[in-house]
N, C-alpha and C. Protein backbone atom coordinates (compact mmCIF):
# COMPACT_ATOMS: atom_id res chain seq x y z
N UNK A 1 112.75 182.04 76.46
CA UNK A 1 111.58 182.67 76.35
C UNK A 1 110.35 182.69 75.71
N UNK A 2 110.65 181.55 74.83
CA UNK A 2 109.44 180.28 74.36
C UNK A 2 108.83 179.50 75.22
N UNK A 3 109.30 178.51 76.34
CA UNK A 3 109.03 177.55 76.66
C UNK A 3 108.17 177.42 77.16
N UNK A 4 107.83 176.79 77.27
CA UNK A 4 106.53 176.18 77.89
C UNK A 4 105.66 176.96 79.32
N UNK A 5 106.92 176.64 79.88
CA UNK A 5 106.32 177.54 81.46
C UNK A 5 106.31 178.86 81.33
N UNK A 6 107.56 179.16 80.51
CA UNK A 6 107.49 180.55 80.67
C UNK A 6 106.61 181.30 79.89
N UNK A 7 105.75 180.45 78.89
CA UNK A 7 104.63 181.22 78.64
C UNK A 7 103.39 180.76 79.20
N UNK A 8 103.03 179.81 80.02
CA UNK A 8 101.90 179.80 80.62
C UNK A 8 102.12 180.35 81.66
N UNK A 9 103.06 180.90 82.50
CA UNK A 9 103.39 180.99 84.20
C UNK A 9 103.37 182.94 84.31
N UNK A 10 104.13 183.01 82.89
CA UNK A 10 104.93 184.41 83.20
C UNK A 10 103.52 185.13 82.10
N UNK A 11 103.67 184.47 81.05
CA UNK A 11 103.00 185.67 79.91
C UNK A 11 101.57 185.08 79.60
N UNK A 12 100.69 184.25 79.98
CA UNK A 12 99.05 183.90 80.11
C UNK A 12 98.96 184.39 81.16
N UNK A 13 99.45 183.92 82.45
CA UNK A 13 99.01 184.05 83.72
C UNK A 13 99.67 185.59 84.55
N UNK A 14 100.73 185.97 84.19
CA UNK A 14 101.58 186.80 85.16
C UNK A 14 102.05 185.89 86.26
N UNK A 15 102.50 185.48 87.12
CA UNK A 15 102.77 184.55 88.18
C UNK A 15 104.33 185.01 88.33
N UNK A 16 104.87 185.00 87.24
CA UNK A 16 106.76 184.88 87.73
C UNK A 16 107.23 186.27 86.66
N UNK A 17 107.99 186.91 87.92
CA UNK A 17 108.52 188.34 87.05
C UNK A 17 109.77 187.43 85.88
N UNK A 18 110.71 185.44 86.37
CA UNK A 18 111.06 184.96 85.54
C UNK A 18 110.95 183.20 86.05
N UNK A 19 111.32 182.66 84.61
CA UNK A 19 111.00 181.50 85.47
C UNK A 19 112.47 180.48 84.27
N UNK A 20 112.26 179.86 84.88
CA UNK A 20 113.63 178.87 83.68
C UNK A 20 113.81 177.34 84.92
N UNK A 21 113.89 176.90 83.23
CA UNK A 21 114.43 175.34 83.92
C UNK A 21 115.17 174.77 83.30
N UNK A 22 116.62 174.03 84.00
CA UNK A 22 117.41 173.45 83.59
C UNK A 22 118.21 172.14 84.44
N UNK A 23 118.77 171.67 83.50
CA UNK A 23 119.32 170.45 83.87
C UNK A 23 121.13 170.57 84.63
N UNK A 24 121.17 170.05 85.55
CA UNK A 24 122.76 169.75 86.41
C UNK A 24 122.69 168.24 85.92
N UNK A 25 124.70 168.02 85.40
CA UNK A 25 124.31 167.19 85.78
C UNK A 25 126.38 166.78 86.29
N UNK A 26 126.38 165.56 86.42
CA UNK A 26 127.31 165.15 87.84
C UNK A 26 127.78 164.05 87.21
N UNK A 27 128.83 163.88 87.66
CA UNK A 27 129.65 162.17 86.91
C UNK A 27 128.76 160.92 87.89
N UNK A 28 128.56 161.32 88.87
CA UNK A 28 127.28 160.22 88.96
C UNK A 28 125.96 160.28 89.50
N UNK A 29 125.96 161.66 89.35
CA UNK A 29 124.06 161.71 89.71
C UNK A 29 124.16 163.15 88.83
N UNK A 30 122.64 163.62 88.79
CA UNK A 30 121.94 164.96 88.54
C UNK A 30 120.32 164.98 88.54
N UNK A 31 120.36 166.32 88.24
CA UNK A 31 118.62 167.03 88.50
C UNK A 31 118.42 167.71 87.80
N UNK A 32 116.88 168.14 87.87
CA UNK A 32 116.11 169.20 87.03
C UNK A 32 115.65 170.52 87.75
N UNK A 33 116.13 171.12 87.56
CA UNK A 33 115.82 171.96 88.25
C UNK A 33 114.70 173.49 87.39
N UNK A 34 113.66 173.61 88.41
CA UNK A 34 113.53 175.12 87.81
C UNK A 34 113.63 176.02 88.67
N UNK A 35 113.95 177.36 88.82
CA UNK A 35 113.79 178.27 89.27
C UNK A 35 112.40 179.42 88.54
N UNK A 36 112.12 179.79 89.44
CA UNK A 36 110.88 181.00 89.56
C UNK A 36 110.86 182.06 90.95
N UNK A 37 110.51 183.37 90.10
CA UNK A 37 110.88 184.86 90.98
C UNK A 37 108.97 184.78 90.83
N UNK A 38 108.60 184.91 92.12
CA UNK A 38 106.79 184.45 92.29
C UNK A 38 106.93 185.85 93.11
N UNK A 39 105.80 186.10 93.23
CA UNK A 39 104.81 187.21 94.48
C UNK A 39 104.48 186.21 95.50
N UNK A 40 104.81 186.30 96.39
CA UNK A 40 104.83 185.19 97.83
C UNK A 40 103.09 185.01 98.11
N UNK A 41 102.67 185.66 97.80
CA UNK A 41 100.87 185.27 97.90
C UNK A 41 100.17 184.34 96.49
N UNK A 42 101.36 184.55 95.45
CA UNK A 42 100.81 183.59 94.04
C UNK A 42 101.79 182.71 93.72
N UNK A 43 102.36 182.13 94.48
CA UNK A 43 103.00 180.52 95.39
C UNK A 43 102.09 179.61 94.93
N UNK A 44 101.83 179.13 95.76
CA UNK A 44 100.43 177.65 95.32
C UNK A 44 100.33 177.81 94.03
N UNK A 45 99.82 179.07 93.71
CA UNK A 45 99.27 178.67 92.39
C UNK A 45 100.51 178.51 91.15
N UNK A 46 101.49 179.04 91.19
CA UNK A 46 102.33 179.20 90.78
C UNK A 46 102.96 177.42 90.46
N UNK A 47 103.18 176.95 91.94
CA UNK A 47 103.42 175.60 91.79
C UNK A 47 102.56 174.87 91.17
N UNK A 48 101.00 174.35 91.84
CA UNK A 48 100.33 174.28 90.58
C UNK A 48 100.51 173.80 89.22
N UNK A 49 100.84 175.16 87.87
CA UNK A 49 100.54 175.26 87.16
C UNK A 49 102.07 175.01 86.60
N UNK A 50 103.48 174.98 87.40
CA UNK A 50 104.16 174.13 87.05
C UNK A 50 104.23 172.72 87.21
N UNK A 51 103.52 172.21 88.26
CA UNK A 51 103.50 170.48 88.52
C UNK A 51 102.08 169.87 87.36
N UNK A 52 101.40 171.10 86.96
CA UNK A 52 100.76 170.61 85.77
C UNK A 52 101.77 170.34 84.64
N UNK A 53 102.47 171.04 84.08
CA UNK A 53 103.48 170.90 83.18
C UNK A 53 103.82 170.12 83.13
N UNK A 54 104.71 169.79 84.00
CA UNK A 54 105.52 168.43 84.50
C UNK A 54 104.33 167.29 84.20
N UNK A 55 103.39 167.44 84.62
CA UNK A 55 102.61 166.02 84.24
C UNK A 55 102.47 165.88 83.09
N UNK A 56 101.82 167.17 82.08
CA UNK A 56 101.88 167.40 80.79
C UNK A 56 102.77 166.37 79.66
N UNK A 57 104.21 166.64 80.65
CA UNK A 57 105.53 165.97 79.98
C UNK A 57 105.01 164.55 80.21
N UNK A 58 104.59 164.14 81.20
CA UNK A 58 104.83 162.99 81.35
C UNK A 58 103.83 161.96 81.03
N UNK A 59 103.21 162.61 80.27
CA UNK A 59 101.64 161.52 80.25
C UNK A 59 101.07 162.14 78.45
N UNK A 60 101.68 162.89 77.88
CA UNK A 60 101.31 163.61 76.68
C UNK A 60 102.85 163.17 75.66
N UNK A 61 102.82 162.93 74.65
CA UNK A 61 104.35 163.55 73.79
C UNK A 61 104.27 164.66 73.47
N UNK A 62 105.59 165.26 73.43
CA UNK A 62 105.36 166.47 72.76
C UNK A 62 105.64 166.13 71.29
N UNK A 63 105.10 168.03 70.81
CA UNK A 63 104.60 167.47 69.03
C UNK A 63 106.53 167.73 67.95
N UNK A 64 105.88 167.49 67.25
CA UNK A 64 107.02 167.07 66.01
C UNK A 64 107.81 168.54 66.48
N UNK A 65 106.59 169.44 66.10
CA UNK A 65 107.25 171.09 65.85
C UNK A 65 107.79 171.24 67.35
N UNK A 66 107.35 171.17 68.22
CA UNK A 66 107.88 171.69 69.47
C UNK A 66 109.40 171.25 69.60
N UNK A 67 109.63 169.14 69.08
CA UNK A 67 110.82 168.61 69.41
C UNK A 67 112.04 169.24 68.51
N UNK A 68 111.36 169.67 67.73
CA UNK A 68 112.30 169.69 66.55
C UNK A 68 112.82 171.58 67.04
N UNK A 69 111.55 172.24 67.27
CA UNK A 69 112.05 173.83 68.09
C UNK A 69 113.48 173.96 69.00
N UNK A 70 112.63 172.59 70.19
CA UNK A 70 113.94 172.21 70.96
C UNK A 70 115.31 172.00 70.56
N UNK A 71 115.77 171.25 69.62
CA UNK A 71 115.96 170.83 69.02
C UNK A 71 117.46 171.64 68.95
N UNK A 72 116.91 172.70 67.82
CA UNK A 72 117.74 173.68 66.79
C UNK A 72 117.84 174.69 68.17
N UNK A 73 117.20 175.05 68.93
CA UNK A 73 117.59 175.74 70.36
C UNK A 73 118.75 175.60 71.29
N UNK A 74 119.25 174.11 71.04
CA UNK A 74 119.81 173.36 71.81
C UNK A 74 121.42 173.43 70.88
N UNK A 75 121.48 173.53 69.80
CA UNK A 75 122.56 173.21 68.85
C UNK A 75 123.00 174.37 68.38
N UNK A 76 121.74 175.51 68.60
CA UNK A 76 122.32 177.00 68.22
C UNK A 76 122.83 177.53 69.15
N UNK A 77 122.54 177.12 70.87
CA UNK A 77 123.97 177.15 72.07
C UNK A 77 124.84 176.99 72.07
N UNK A 78 124.89 175.38 71.43
CA UNK A 78 126.08 175.42 71.22
C UNK A 78 126.96 175.70 70.33
N UNK A 79 126.54 176.06 69.40
CA UNK A 79 127.65 176.97 68.72
C UNK A 79 127.79 177.93 68.65
N UNK A 80 127.68 178.63 69.77
CA UNK A 80 126.91 179.93 70.21
C UNK A 80 128.26 179.89 71.34
N UNK A 81 128.19 178.93 72.07
CA UNK A 81 129.24 178.48 72.95
C UNK A 81 130.48 177.95 73.42
N UNK A 82 130.74 177.76 71.83
CA UNK A 82 131.85 177.50 71.95
C UNK A 82 132.71 178.52 70.30
N UNK A 83 132.25 179.55 70.46
CA UNK A 83 133.12 180.66 69.90
C UNK A 83 134.25 181.31 70.03
N UNK A 84 134.72 180.98 71.45
CA UNK A 84 135.63 181.88 71.31
C UNK A 84 137.32 180.21 72.11
N UNK A 85 138.14 180.68 71.62
CA UNK A 85 138.92 179.54 72.02
C UNK A 85 138.84 179.00 73.25
N UNK A 86 139.20 179.72 74.72
CA UNK A 86 138.91 179.13 75.69
C UNK A 86 137.67 178.50 75.98
N UNK A 87 136.46 178.73 75.15
CA UNK A 87 135.42 178.14 75.69
C UNK A 87 135.58 176.96 75.09
N UNK A 88 136.18 176.77 73.79
CA UNK A 88 136.46 175.37 73.49
C UNK A 88 137.61 174.46 74.47
N UNK A 89 138.81 175.23 75.09
CA UNK A 89 139.47 174.18 75.15
C UNK A 89 138.49 173.45 77.18
N UNK A 90 138.18 174.78 77.31
CA UNK A 90 136.88 174.09 78.51
C UNK A 90 136.08 172.62 78.19
N UNK A 91 135.59 173.23 76.89
CA UNK A 91 134.48 171.97 76.46
C UNK A 91 135.18 170.68 76.48
N UNK A 92 136.47 170.99 75.29
CA UNK A 92 137.11 169.91 75.42
C UNK A 92 137.81 168.80 76.31
N UNK A 93 138.06 170.04 77.63
CA UNK A 93 138.74 169.86 78.82
C UNK A 93 138.06 169.30 80.04
N UNK A 94 136.87 169.77 80.05
CA UNK A 94 135.83 169.16 80.98
C UNK A 94 135.66 167.53 80.31
N UNK A 95 135.32 167.15 79.10
CA UNK A 95 134.51 165.48 78.36
C UNK A 95 135.98 165.18 78.70
N UNK A 96 137.34 165.50 78.88
CA UNK A 96 138.36 164.52 78.75
C UNK A 96 138.18 164.45 80.02
N UNK A 97 138.47 165.35 81.28
CA UNK A 97 138.60 165.00 82.65
C UNK A 97 137.34 163.90 82.95
N UNK A 98 136.21 164.35 82.70
CA UNK A 98 134.77 163.83 82.96
C UNK A 98 134.18 162.10 82.65
N UNK A 99 134.67 162.12 81.08
CA UNK A 99 133.94 161.24 80.80
C UNK A 99 135.24 160.37 80.12
N UNK A 100 136.41 161.23 79.67
CA UNK A 100 137.56 159.92 79.30
C UNK A 100 137.55 160.09 77.66
N UNK A 101 136.38 161.08 77.51
CA UNK A 101 135.91 160.88 75.81
C UNK A 101 136.21 162.75 75.31
N UNK A 102 136.37 162.74 73.94
CA UNK A 102 135.70 163.76 73.36
C UNK A 102 134.47 163.87 72.17
N UNK A 103 133.42 164.47 72.72
CA UNK A 103 132.66 164.36 71.69
C UNK A 103 132.79 165.91 70.58
N UNK A 104 133.06 165.36 69.64
CA UNK A 104 133.25 166.54 68.98
C UNK A 104 131.09 167.17 68.67
N UNK A 105 130.97 168.09 67.98
CA UNK A 105 130.12 169.21 68.07
C UNK A 105 129.21 168.31 67.33
N UNK A 106 129.78 167.89 65.93
CA UNK A 106 129.12 167.88 65.01
C UNK A 106 128.65 166.07 65.38
N UNK A 107 129.25 165.09 66.34
CA UNK A 107 129.00 164.09 66.84
C UNK A 107 127.35 164.03 67.90
N UNK A 108 127.79 165.47 69.01
CA UNK A 108 126.80 165.60 69.73
C UNK A 108 125.86 166.30 68.68
N UNK A 109 125.43 167.05 67.31
CA UNK A 109 124.42 167.15 66.94
C UNK A 109 123.72 166.03 66.56
N UNK A 110 124.60 165.15 66.10
CA UNK A 110 123.61 163.60 65.52
C UNK A 110 123.10 163.36 66.29
N UNK A 111 123.52 162.74 67.90
CA UNK A 111 122.89 162.56 69.04
C UNK A 111 121.49 163.54 69.26
N UNK A 112 121.59 164.98 69.61
CA UNK A 112 120.45 165.48 69.65
C UNK A 112 119.27 165.43 68.23
N UNK A 113 119.72 164.92 67.07
CA UNK A 113 119.11 164.25 66.13
C UNK A 113 118.13 163.58 66.49
N UNK A 114 119.08 162.28 66.80
CA UNK A 114 118.01 160.97 66.71
C UNK A 114 117.09 161.30 68.34
N UNK A 115 117.24 161.83 69.08
CA UNK A 115 116.02 161.98 69.91
C UNK A 115 114.73 162.17 69.68
N UNK A 116 113.47 161.16 70.13
CA UNK A 116 112.39 160.95 69.28
C UNK A 116 111.57 161.92 70.21
N UNK A 117 110.39 161.55 69.95
CA UNK A 117 109.42 162.03 71.05
C UNK A 117 108.77 161.25 72.12
N UNK A 118 109.24 159.85 71.93
CA UNK A 118 109.03 158.58 72.69
C UNK A 118 110.50 158.85 73.68
N UNK A 119 111.13 159.15 73.38
CA UNK A 119 112.84 159.47 74.14
C UNK A 119 112.22 160.39 75.52
N UNK A 120 111.62 161.40 75.09
CA UNK A 120 111.48 162.25 75.57
C UNK A 120 110.30 162.26 77.22
N UNK A 121 109.29 161.71 76.08
CA UNK A 121 108.07 160.91 76.89
C UNK A 121 108.70 160.02 78.15
N UNK A 122 109.53 158.97 77.50
CA UNK A 122 109.96 158.14 78.39
C UNK A 122 110.84 158.61 79.64
N UNK A 123 111.87 159.34 79.28
CA UNK A 123 112.57 160.06 80.68
C UNK A 123 111.81 161.30 81.23
N UNK A 124 110.54 161.66 80.59
CA UNK A 124 109.42 162.30 81.48
C UNK A 124 108.72 161.55 82.46
N UNK A 125 108.48 160.42 82.24
CA UNK A 125 107.75 159.88 83.24
C UNK A 125 108.71 159.17 83.82
N UNK A 126 110.25 158.55 84.18
CA UNK A 126 110.70 158.06 84.77
C UNK A 126 111.12 159.76 86.10
N UNK A 127 111.27 160.98 85.46
CA UNK A 127 111.95 162.42 85.98
C UNK A 127 110.75 162.63 86.96
N UNK A 128 109.44 163.02 86.22
CA UNK A 128 108.09 163.29 87.05
C UNK A 128 107.64 162.67 88.02
N UNK A 129 107.88 162.24 88.65
CA UNK A 129 107.34 160.96 89.46
C UNK A 129 107.18 162.05 91.23
N UNK A 130 105.81 161.44 91.84
CA UNK A 130 105.89 162.26 93.40
C UNK A 130 107.18 162.12 94.22
N UNK A 131 107.20 161.06 94.18
CA UNK A 131 108.52 160.34 95.11
C UNK A 131 110.06 161.11 94.79
N UNK A 132 109.87 161.72 93.52
CA UNK A 132 111.34 162.47 93.23
C UNK A 132 111.43 163.97 93.58
N UNK A 133 110.03 164.47 93.70
CA UNK A 133 109.77 166.12 93.46
C UNK A 133 110.50 166.66 95.05
N UNK A 134 110.88 167.51 94.49
CA UNK A 134 111.61 168.52 96.12
C UNK A 134 110.70 169.81 95.60
N UNK A 135 110.86 170.70 96.96
CA UNK A 135 110.59 171.86 96.80
C UNK A 135 111.34 172.93 97.65
N UNK A 136 112.34 173.50 97.01
CA UNK A 136 112.82 174.94 98.38
C UNK A 136 112.27 176.41 97.97
N UNK A 137 111.92 177.29 99.30
CA UNK A 137 111.05 178.02 99.17
C UNK A 137 111.89 179.14 99.66
N UNK A 138 112.20 180.51 99.37
CA UNK A 138 112.81 181.17 100.24
C UNK A 138 111.62 182.60 100.28
N UNK A 139 111.24 183.20 101.63
CA UNK A 139 110.13 183.85 101.23
C UNK A 139 109.67 183.59 103.33
N UNK A 140 108.75 184.28 103.31
CA UNK A 140 108.48 184.26 104.60
C UNK A 140 107.00 183.15 104.91
N UNK A 141 107.51 182.25 104.43
CA UNK A 141 106.21 180.78 104.87
C UNK A 141 107.04 180.28 106.38
N UNK A 142 106.16 180.06 107.21
CA UNK A 142 106.50 179.44 108.13
C UNK A 142 106.09 177.92 108.23
N UNK A 143 104.91 178.13 107.50
CA UNK A 143 104.17 176.17 107.60
C UNK A 143 104.40 175.56 106.20
N UNK A 144 104.80 174.62 105.85
CA UNK A 144 105.57 173.65 105.23
C UNK A 144 104.04 173.28 104.61
N UNK A 145 103.15 173.06 105.37
CA UNK A 145 101.91 172.07 105.18
C UNK A 145 101.26 171.89 103.97
N UNK A 146 101.47 173.77 103.84
CA UNK A 146 99.98 174.12 102.27
C UNK A 146 101.22 173.70 101.45
N UNK A 147 102.51 173.72 101.65
CA UNK A 147 103.24 173.27 100.09
C UNK A 147 103.43 171.67 99.89
N UNK A 148 103.64 170.72 100.75
CA UNK A 148 103.77 170.15 100.84
C UNK A 148 102.69 168.96 100.04
N UNK A 149 101.48 170.00 100.03
CA UNK A 149 100.56 168.76 99.08
C UNK A 149 100.18 169.05 98.48
N UNK A 150 100.98 169.70 97.64
CA UNK A 150 101.17 170.04 96.58
C UNK A 150 101.92 169.16 95.50
N UNK A 151 102.68 168.54 95.81
CA UNK A 151 103.69 168.24 95.51
C UNK A 151 103.28 166.52 95.09
N UNK A 152 101.97 166.73 94.23
CA UNK A 152 101.39 165.63 93.61
C UNK A 152 101.50 165.80 92.06
N UNK A 153 101.76 164.97 91.08
CA UNK A 153 102.15 165.09 89.94
C UNK A 153 100.94 163.85 89.55
């Protein structure tokens, strides 16, 4: 609820009932996805705002304060996600099966702490390119032309 997109798209502009962005990691690939529940009449406007935020990420460094807030959030979610024995078993088991090694939460925290503003900018420049953008819509849209033209950052 404190993400850039949540604040800009939902809180400031009232364009979405919900909005969230998260990565999907697989052993050989992955992706970053943004989901949003938007009034059909306001979809183009919301897409433009989302893409503008993507572009900002790829052209301007995040502030130290924002980076620290995100790091704290990730580490807090990691700690909370490992509170039960079955969650711990799943955490270590999936690492062993998929990566052949187990990173302890302490080691993961060390790695998170090492992430810099420049690291974020570098990854954002790699991810947020027009050739890598895809759009999927669920709604009464019959013509894709208005939306294809929006996928430029």
